[in-house]
Amino acid sequence: METFEEYFETIDGEHGDKMRIVFDWIEKTYPNLVRRVAWNQPMYTDHGTFIIGFSQAKKHMSITPEGPVMPIFSDKIKAAGYEQTKMLFKIKWDQEVNYDLLAEMIEYNMEDKKDCETFWRK
């Protein structure tokens, strides 16, 4: 799988539509971010470094801003009503997307990694 379109082909109708809406929002809000598919997952990068990634499951979409960022946003993720693990948080298909939270995470990573020369934090 090399493109977002190929990824969307693997997702059931409404779930794919919801992810497309999220991705469209990201691309309109942060036009400098670059689409990338790696490890069969869609993600966005900035100057070659990971910013945020996505995956889907039967009951939810998962979003990872990279593991070290999760503790910083843990309380806000919980307040939004999302489940979380050490590496990601889950938005159930019937839950609303908290775009303010998503924006905070993306902007945090863009700022924190502005001088990062590697894909992942070291």
C-alpha atoms as a PDB file:
ATOM      1  CA  MET A   1       0.000   0.000   0.000  1.00  0.00           C
ATOM      2  CA  GLU A   2       1.531   3.254  -1.114  1.00  0.00           C
ATOM      3  CA  THR A   3      -1.217   5.878  -1.180  1.00  0.00           C
ATOM      4  CA  PHE A   4      -4.029   7.149   1.007  1.00  0.00           C
ATOM      5  CA  GLU A   5      -6.495   6.090  -1.700  1.00  0.00           C
ATOM      6  CA  GLU A   6      -5.261   2.509  -1.493  1.00  0.00           C
ATOM      7  CA  TYR A   7      -5.674   2.719   2.271  1.00  0.00           C
ATOM      8  CA  PHE A   8      -9.254   3.993   1.946  1.00  0.00           C
ATOM      9  CA  GLU A   9     -10.096   1.011  -0.241  1.00  0.00           C
ATOM     10  CA  THR A  10      -9.481  -1.235   2.776  1.00  0.00           C
ATOM     11  CA  ILE A  11     -12.032   0.586   4.987  1.00  0.00           C
ATOM     12  CA  ASP A  12     -15.785   0.079   5.198  1.00  0.00           C
ATOM     13  CA  GLY A  13     -17.949   2.946   3.821  1.00  0.00           C
ATOM     14  CA  GLU A  14     -18.852   5.225   6.734  1.00  0.00           C
ATOM     15  CA  HIS A  15     -15.586   4.614   8.538  1.00  0.00           C
ATOM     16  CA  GLY A  16     -13.584   5.562   5.471  1.00  0.00           C
ATOM     17  CA  ASP A  17     -15.748   8.650   5.021  1.00  0.00           C
ATOM     18  CA  LYS A  18     -15.032   9.734   8.595  1.00  0.00           C
ATOM     19  CA  MET A  19     -11.305   9.262   8.138  1.00  0.00           C
ATOM     20  CA  ARG A  20     -11.404  11.206   4.858  1.00  0.00           C
ATOM     21  CA  ILE A  21     -13.086  14.099   6.689  1.00  0.00           C
ATOM     22  CA  VAL A  22     -10.325  14.093   9.316  1.00  0.00           C
ATOM     23  CA  PHE A  23      -7.593  13.923   6.672  1.00  0.00           C
ATOM     24  CA  ASP A  24      -9.235  16.710   4.639  1.00  0.00           C
ATOM     25  CA  TRP A  25      -9.345  18.868   7.771  1.00  0.00           C
ATOM     26  CA  ILE A  26      -5.646  18.204   8.449  1.00  0.00           C
ATOM     27  CA  GLU A  27      -4.675  19.071   4.894  1.00  0.00           C
ATOM     28  CA  LYS A  28      -6.714  22.284   4.858  1.00  0.00           C
ATOM     29  CA  THR A  29      -5.487  23.342   8.307  1.00  0.00           C
ATOM     30  CA  TYR A  30      -1.840  22.286   7.851  1.00  0.00           C
ATOM     31  CA  PRO A  31      -1.127  22.375   4.116  1.00  0.00           C
ATOM     32  CA  ASN A  32       2.613  22.020   4.708  1.00  0.00           C
ATOM     33  CA  LEU A  33       2.202  18.503   6.147  1.00  0.00           C
ATOM     34  CA  VAL A  34       3.028  15.671   3.771  1.00  0.00           C
ATOM     35  CA  ARG A  35       0.995  12.488   3.339  1.00  0.00           C
ATOM     36  CA  ARG A  36       2.942   9.289   3.833  1.00  0.00           C
ATOM     37  CA  VAL A  37       1.977   5.638   4.064  1.00  0.00           C
ATOM     38  CA  ALA A  38       4.385   3.507   6.079  1.00  0.00           C
ATOM     39  CA  TRP A  39       3.817   0.223   7.858  1.00  0.00           C
ATOM     40  CA  ASN A  40       0.493   0.144   5.948  1.00  0.00           C
ATOM     41  CA  GLN A  41      -0.733   3.158   7.922  1.00  0.00           C
ATOM     42  CA  PRO A  42      -1.457   6.708   6.774  1.00  0.00           C
ATOM     43  CA  MET A  43       0.454   9.443   8.525  1.00  0.00           C
ATOM     44  CA  TYR A  44       1.586  13.011   8.138  1.00  0.00           C
ATOM     45  CA  THR A  45       5.141  14.261   8.255  1.00  0.00           C
ATOM     46  CA  ASP A  46       6.852  17.632   8.328  1.00  0.00           C
ATOM     47  CA  HIS A  47      10.362  18.006   6.858  1.00  0.00           C
ATOM     48  CA  GLY A  48      10.668  14.200   6.941  1.00  0.00           C
ATOM     49  CA  THR A  49       9.781  13.757  10.597  1.00  0.00           C
ATOM     50  CA  PHE A  50       6.672  11.995  11.931  1.00  0.00           C
ATOM     51  CA  ILE A  51       3.885  14.288  13.143  1.00  0.00           C
ATOM     52  CA  ILE A  52       0.744  12.132  13.486  1.00  0.00           C
ATOM     53  CA  GLY A  53      -0.439   8.717  12.328  1.00  0.00           C
ATOM     54  CA  PHE A  54      -3.710   6.848  11.976  1.00  0.00           C
ATOM     55  CA  SER A  55      -5.116   3.359  11.775  1.00  0.00           C
ATOM     56  CA  GLN A  56      -8.586   1.894  11.808  1.00  0.00           C
ATOM     57  CA  ALA A  57     -10.249  -1.033  13.511  1.00  0.00           C
ATOM     58  CA  LYS A  58     -13.725  -2.457  13.568  1.00  0.00           C
ATOM     59  CA  LYS A  59     -14.881  -0.201  16.413  1.00  0.00           C
ATOM     60  CA  HIS A  60     -12.628   2.856  16.184  1.00  0.00           C
ATOM     61  CA  MET A  61      -9.922   4.882  14.507  1.00  0.00           C
ATOM     62  CA  SER A  62      -6.633   5.104  16.337  1.00  0.00           C
ATOM     63  CA  ILE A  63      -4.487   8.203  16.367  1.00  0.00           C
ATOM     64  CA  THR A  64      -0.887   8.337  17.473  1.00  0.00           C
ATOM     65  CA  PRO A  65       0.999  11.571  17.954  1.00  0.00           C
ATOM     66  CA  GLU A  66       4.087   9.478  18.938  1.00  0.00           C
ATOM     67  CA  GLY A  67       4.470   7.826  22.326  1.00  0.00           C
ATOM     68  CA  PRO A  68       6.295  10.598  24.225  1.00  0.00           C
ATOM     69  CA  VAL A  69       3.454  13.029  23.440  1.00  0.00           C
ATOM     70  CA  MET A  70       0.717  10.875  24.967  1.00  0.00           C
ATOM     71  CA  PRO A  71       1.392  11.745  28.636  1.00  0.00           C
ATOM     72  CA  ILE A  72       1.338  15.455  27.785  1.00  0.00           C
ATOM     73  CA  PHE A  73      -2.199  15.178  26.421  1.00  0.00           C
ATOM     74  CA  SER A  74      -3.502  12.327  28.570  1.00  0.00           C
ATOM     75  CA  ASP A  75      -5.889  14.460  30.648  1.00  0.00           C
ATOM     76  CA  LYS A  76      -7.306  16.171  27.556  1.00  0.00           C
ATOM     77  CA  ILE A  77      -7.749  12.830  25.798  1.00  0.00           C
ATOM     78  CA  LYS A  78      -9.618  11.509  28.821  1.00  0.00           C
ATOM     79  CA  ALA A  79     -11.747  14.676  29.041  1.00  0.00           C
ATOM     80  CA  ALA A  80     -12.686  14.214  25.359  1.00  0.00           C
ATOM     81  CA  GLY A  81     -14.048  10.777  26.257  1.00  0.00           C
ATOM     82  CA  TYR A  82     -11.492   8.797  24.274  1.00  0.00           C
ATOM     83  CA  GLU A  83      -9.790   5.576  25.306  1.00  0.00           C
ATOM     84  CA  GLN A  84      -6.015   5.678  25.319  1.00  0.00           C
ATOM     85  CA  THR A  85      -2.985   3.458  25.580  1.00  0.00           C
ATOM     86  CA  LYS A  86       0.654   4.309  26.057  1.00  0.00           C
ATOM     87  CA  MET A  87       1.105   4.922  22.314  1.00  0.00           C
ATOM     88  CA  LEU A  88      -2.281   6.042  20.930  1.00  0.00           C
ATOM     89  CA  PHE A  89      -5.847   7.082  21.559  1.00  0.00           C
ATOM     90  CA  LYS A  90      -9.035   5.710  20.057  1.00  0.00           C
ATOM     91  CA  ILE A  91     -12.020   7.559  18.671  1.00  0.00           C
ATOM     92  CA  LYS A  92     -14.999   5.253  18.368  1.00  0.00           C
ATOM     93  CA  TRP A  93     -16.830   5.526  15.088  1.00  0.00           C
ATOM     94  CA  ASP A  94     -19.884   7.018  16.823  1.00  0.00           C
ATOM     95  CA  GLN A  95     -17.862   9.663  18.702  1.00  0.00           C
ATOM     96  CA  GLU A  96     -17.239  13.192  17.478  1.00  0.00           C
ATOM     97  CA  VAL A  97     -13.691  14.164  16.556  1.00  0.00           C
ATOM     98  CA  ASN A  98     -12.272  16.786  18.887  1.00  0.00           C
ATOM     99  CA  TYR A  99     -10.474  18.910  16.295  1.00  0.00           C
ATOM    100  CA  ASP A 100      -9.152  21.325  18.924  1.00  0.00           C
ATOM    101  CA  LEU A 101      -7.341  18.449  20.608  1.00  0.00           C
ATOM    102  CA  LEU A 102      -6.070  17.133  17.295  1.00  0.00           C
ATOM    103  CA  ALA A 103      -4.788  20.608  16.395  1.00  0.00           C
ATOM    104  CA  GLU A 104      -2.997  20.947  19.735  1.00  0.00           C
ATOM    105  CA  MET A 105      -1.207  17.640  19.191  1.00  0.00           C
ATOM    106  CA  ILE A 106      -0.221  18.421  15.615  1.00  0.00           C
ATOM    107  CA  GLU A 107       1.023  21.899  16.541  1.00  0.00           C
ATOM    108  CA  TYR A 108       2.895  20.548  19.550  1.00  0.00           C
ATOM    109  CA  ASN A 109       4.709  18.004  17.367  1.00  0.00           C
ATOM    110  CA  MET A 110       5.449  20.531  14.640  1.00  0.00           C
ATOM    111  CA  GLU A 111       6.994  22.927  17.152  1.00  0.00           C
ATOM    112  CA  ASP A 112       8.737  20.300  19.274  1.00  0.00           C
ATOM    113  CA  LYS A 113      10.228  18.566  16.234  1.00  0.00           C
ATOM    114  CA  LYS A 114      11.036  21.643  14.135  1.00  0.00           C
ATOM    115  CA  ASP A 115      14.764  20.926  14.445  1.00  0.00           C
ATOM    116  CA  CYS A 116      14.413  17.122  14.458  1.00  0.00           C
ATOM    117  CA  GLU A 117      16.435  15.452  11.736  1.00  0.00           C
ATOM    118  CA  THR A 118      15.099  11.942  12.269  1.00  0.00           C
ATOM    119  CA  PHE A 119      11.720  10.356  11.607  1.00  0.00           C
ATOM    120  CA  TRP A 120      11.125   9.442  15.289  1.00  0.00           C
ATOM    121  CA  ARG A 121      12.255  11.310  18.376  1.00  0.00           C
ATOM    122  CA  LYS A 122      15.505  10.054  19.840  1.00  0.00           C
END
